[in-house]
Amino acid sequence: MKFIKPLSLGKLTFSKKGIETVCFGAFCFGILFGAFIAHSITTESKFNILLFGLFTVPIWIFLKPILKKEITTVE
């Protein structure tokens, strides 16, 4: 059974694995964002955007080569 079909957004076409990779990256981003918000609330400190970025950027750096293979441009 195929539940996920290739998705076209403008000139970009996302394969099934590309969609799953973007969803995984967004899921990890959301977990980190929620954890940082919960930490700032419980410790009554400010949200540290630099530390959040330090943990978020490596996730997308790791996923970028996978996304390059799975997203194609239609001309």
C-alpha atoms as a PDB file:
ATOM      1  CA  MET A   1       0.000   0.000   0.000  1.00  0.00           C
ATOM      2  CA  LYS A   2       1.189   3.461  -0.836  1.00  0.00           C
ATOM      3  CA  PHE A   3      -0.049   6.110   1.551  1.00  0.00           C
ATOM      4  CA  ILE A   4       2.434   8.842   0.675  1.00  0.00           C
ATOM      5  CA  LYS A   5       2.665   9.962  -2.933  1.00  0.00           C
ATOM      6  CA  PRO A   6       5.383  12.267  -4.281  1.00  0.00           C
ATOM      7  CA  LEU A   7       4.482  15.820  -3.327  1.00  0.00           C
ATOM      8  CA  SER A   8       4.980  18.754  -5.693  1.00  0.00           C
ATOM      9  CA  LEU A   9       5.350  22.268  -4.312  1.00  0.00           C
ATOM     10  CA  GLY A  10       6.026  24.709  -7.106  1.00  0.00           C
ATOM     11  CA  LYS A  11       9.114  23.445  -8.915  1.00  0.00           C
ATOM     12  CA  LEU A  12      10.127  21.066  -6.117  1.00  0.00           C
ATOM     13  CA  THR A  13       9.093  17.419  -5.965  1.00  0.00           C
ATOM     14  CA  PHE A  14       9.493  15.589  -2.650  1.00  0.00           C
ATOM     15  CA  SER A  15       9.773  11.802  -2.694  1.00  0.00           C
ATOM     16  CA  LYS A  16       8.289   9.631   0.075  1.00  0.00           C
ATOM     17  CA  LYS A  17      11.626   9.519   1.893  1.00  0.00           C
ATOM     18  CA  GLY A  18      12.015  13.285   1.466  1.00  0.00           C
ATOM     19  CA  ILE A  19       8.635  13.912   3.104  1.00  0.00           C
ATOM     20  CA  GLU A  20       9.527  11.553   5.945  1.00  0.00           C
ATOM     21  CA  THR A  21      12.890  13.282   6.428  1.00  0.00           C
ATOM     22  CA  VAL A  22      11.308  16.745   6.630  1.00  0.00           C
ATOM     23  CA  CYS A  23       8.745  15.408   9.121  1.00  0.00           C
ATOM     24  CA  PHE A  24      11.500  13.831  11.217  1.00  0.00           C
ATOM     25  CA  GLY A  25      13.461  17.101  11.265  1.00  0.00           C
ATOM     26  CA  ALA A  26      10.350  19.056  12.246  1.00  0.00           C
ATOM     27  CA  PHE A  27       9.594  16.493  14.967  1.00  0.00           C
ATOM     28  CA  CYS A  28      13.107  16.819  16.442  1.00  0.00           C
ATOM     29  CA  PHE A  29      12.871  20.617  16.191  1.00  0.00           C
ATOM     30  CA  GLY A  30       9.551  20.549  18.078  1.00  0.00           C
ATOM     31  CA  ILE A  31      10.894  18.301  20.826  1.00  0.00           C
ATOM     32  CA  LEU A  32      13.871  20.595  21.360  1.00  0.00           C
ATOM     33  CA  PHE A  33      11.693  23.693  21.275  1.00  0.00           C
ATOM     34  CA  GLY A  34       9.304  22.240  23.864  1.00  0.00           C
ATOM     35  CA  ALA A  35      12.164  21.097  26.078  1.00  0.00           C
ATOM     36  CA  PHE A  36      13.792  24.529  25.995  1.00  0.00           C
ATOM     37  CA  ILE A  37      10.489  26.246  26.802  1.00  0.00           C
ATOM     38  CA  ALA A  38       9.807  23.822  29.655  1.00  0.00           C
ATOM     39  CA  HIS A  39      13.318  24.381  30.995  1.00  0.00           C
ATOM     40  CA  SER A  40      12.984  28.166  30.852  1.00  0.00           C
ATOM     41  CA  ILE A  41       9.633  27.993  32.669  1.00  0.00           C
ATOM     42  CA  THR A  42      10.782  25.625  35.413  1.00  0.00           C
ATOM     43  CA  THR A  43      14.034  27.501  36.085  1.00  0.00           C
ATOM     44  CA  GLU A  44      12.390  30.911  35.622  1.00  0.00           C
ATOM     45  CA  SER A  45      15.107  31.981  33.203  1.00  0.00           C
ATOM     46  CA  LYS A  46      15.036  33.505  29.734  1.00  0.00           C
ATOM     47  CA  PHE A  47      14.760  31.373  26.605  1.00  0.00           C
ATOM     48  CA  ASN A  48      18.322  30.931  25.327  1.00  0.00           C
ATOM     49  CA  ILE A  49      17.981  31.213  21.548  1.00  0.00           C
ATOM     50  CA  LEU A  50      21.710  30.746  20.904  1.00  0.00           C
ATOM     51  CA  LEU A  51      21.829  27.441  22.758  1.00  0.00           C
ATOM     52  CA  PHE A  52      18.644  26.343  20.984  1.00  0.00           C
ATOM     53  CA  GLY A  53      20.225  27.155  17.623  1.00  0.00           C
ATOM     54  CA  LEU A  54      23.392  25.324  18.635  1.00  0.00           C
ATOM     55  CA  PHE A  55      21.360  22.135  19.119  1.00  0.00           C
ATOM     56  CA  THR A  56      19.014  22.640  16.150  1.00  0.00           C
ATOM     57  CA  VAL A  57      21.522  23.386  13.382  1.00  0.00           C
ATOM     58  CA  PRO A  58      23.325  19.987  13.597  1.00  0.00           C
ATOM     59  CA  ILE A  59      20.015  18.180  13.073  1.00  0.00           C
ATOM     60  CA  TRP A  60      19.443  19.944   9.752  1.00  0.00           C
ATOM     61  CA  ILE A  61      23.123  19.612   8.776  1.00  0.00           C
ATOM     62  CA  PHE A  62      22.758  15.848   9.291  1.00  0.00           C
ATOM     63  CA  LEU A  63      19.513  15.724   7.262  1.00  0.00           C
ATOM     64  CA  LYS A  64      20.639  18.031   4.409  1.00  0.00           C
ATOM     65  CA  PRO A  65      22.469  15.367   2.316  1.00  0.00           C
ATOM     66  CA  ILE A  66      19.433  13.086   2.539  1.00  0.00           C
ATOM     67  CA  LEU A  67      17.123  15.899   1.462  1.00  0.00           C
ATOM     68  CA  LYS A  68      19.374  16.803  -1.494  1.00  0.00           C
ATOM     69  CA  LYS A  69      18.924  13.281  -2.864  1.00  0.00           C
ATOM     70  CA  GLU A  70      15.165  13.132  -2.251  1.00  0.00           C
ATOM     71  CA  ILE A  71      14.049  16.558  -3.498  1.00  0.00           C
ATOM     72  CA  THR A  72      14.165  17.161  -7.225  1.00  0.00           C
ATOM     73  CA  THR A  73      13.553  20.308  -9.233  1.00  0.00           C
ATOM     74  CA  VAL A  74      11.107  20.219 -12.129  1.00  0.00           C
ATOM     75  CA  GLU A  75      11.708  22.712 -14.916  1.00  0.00           C
END
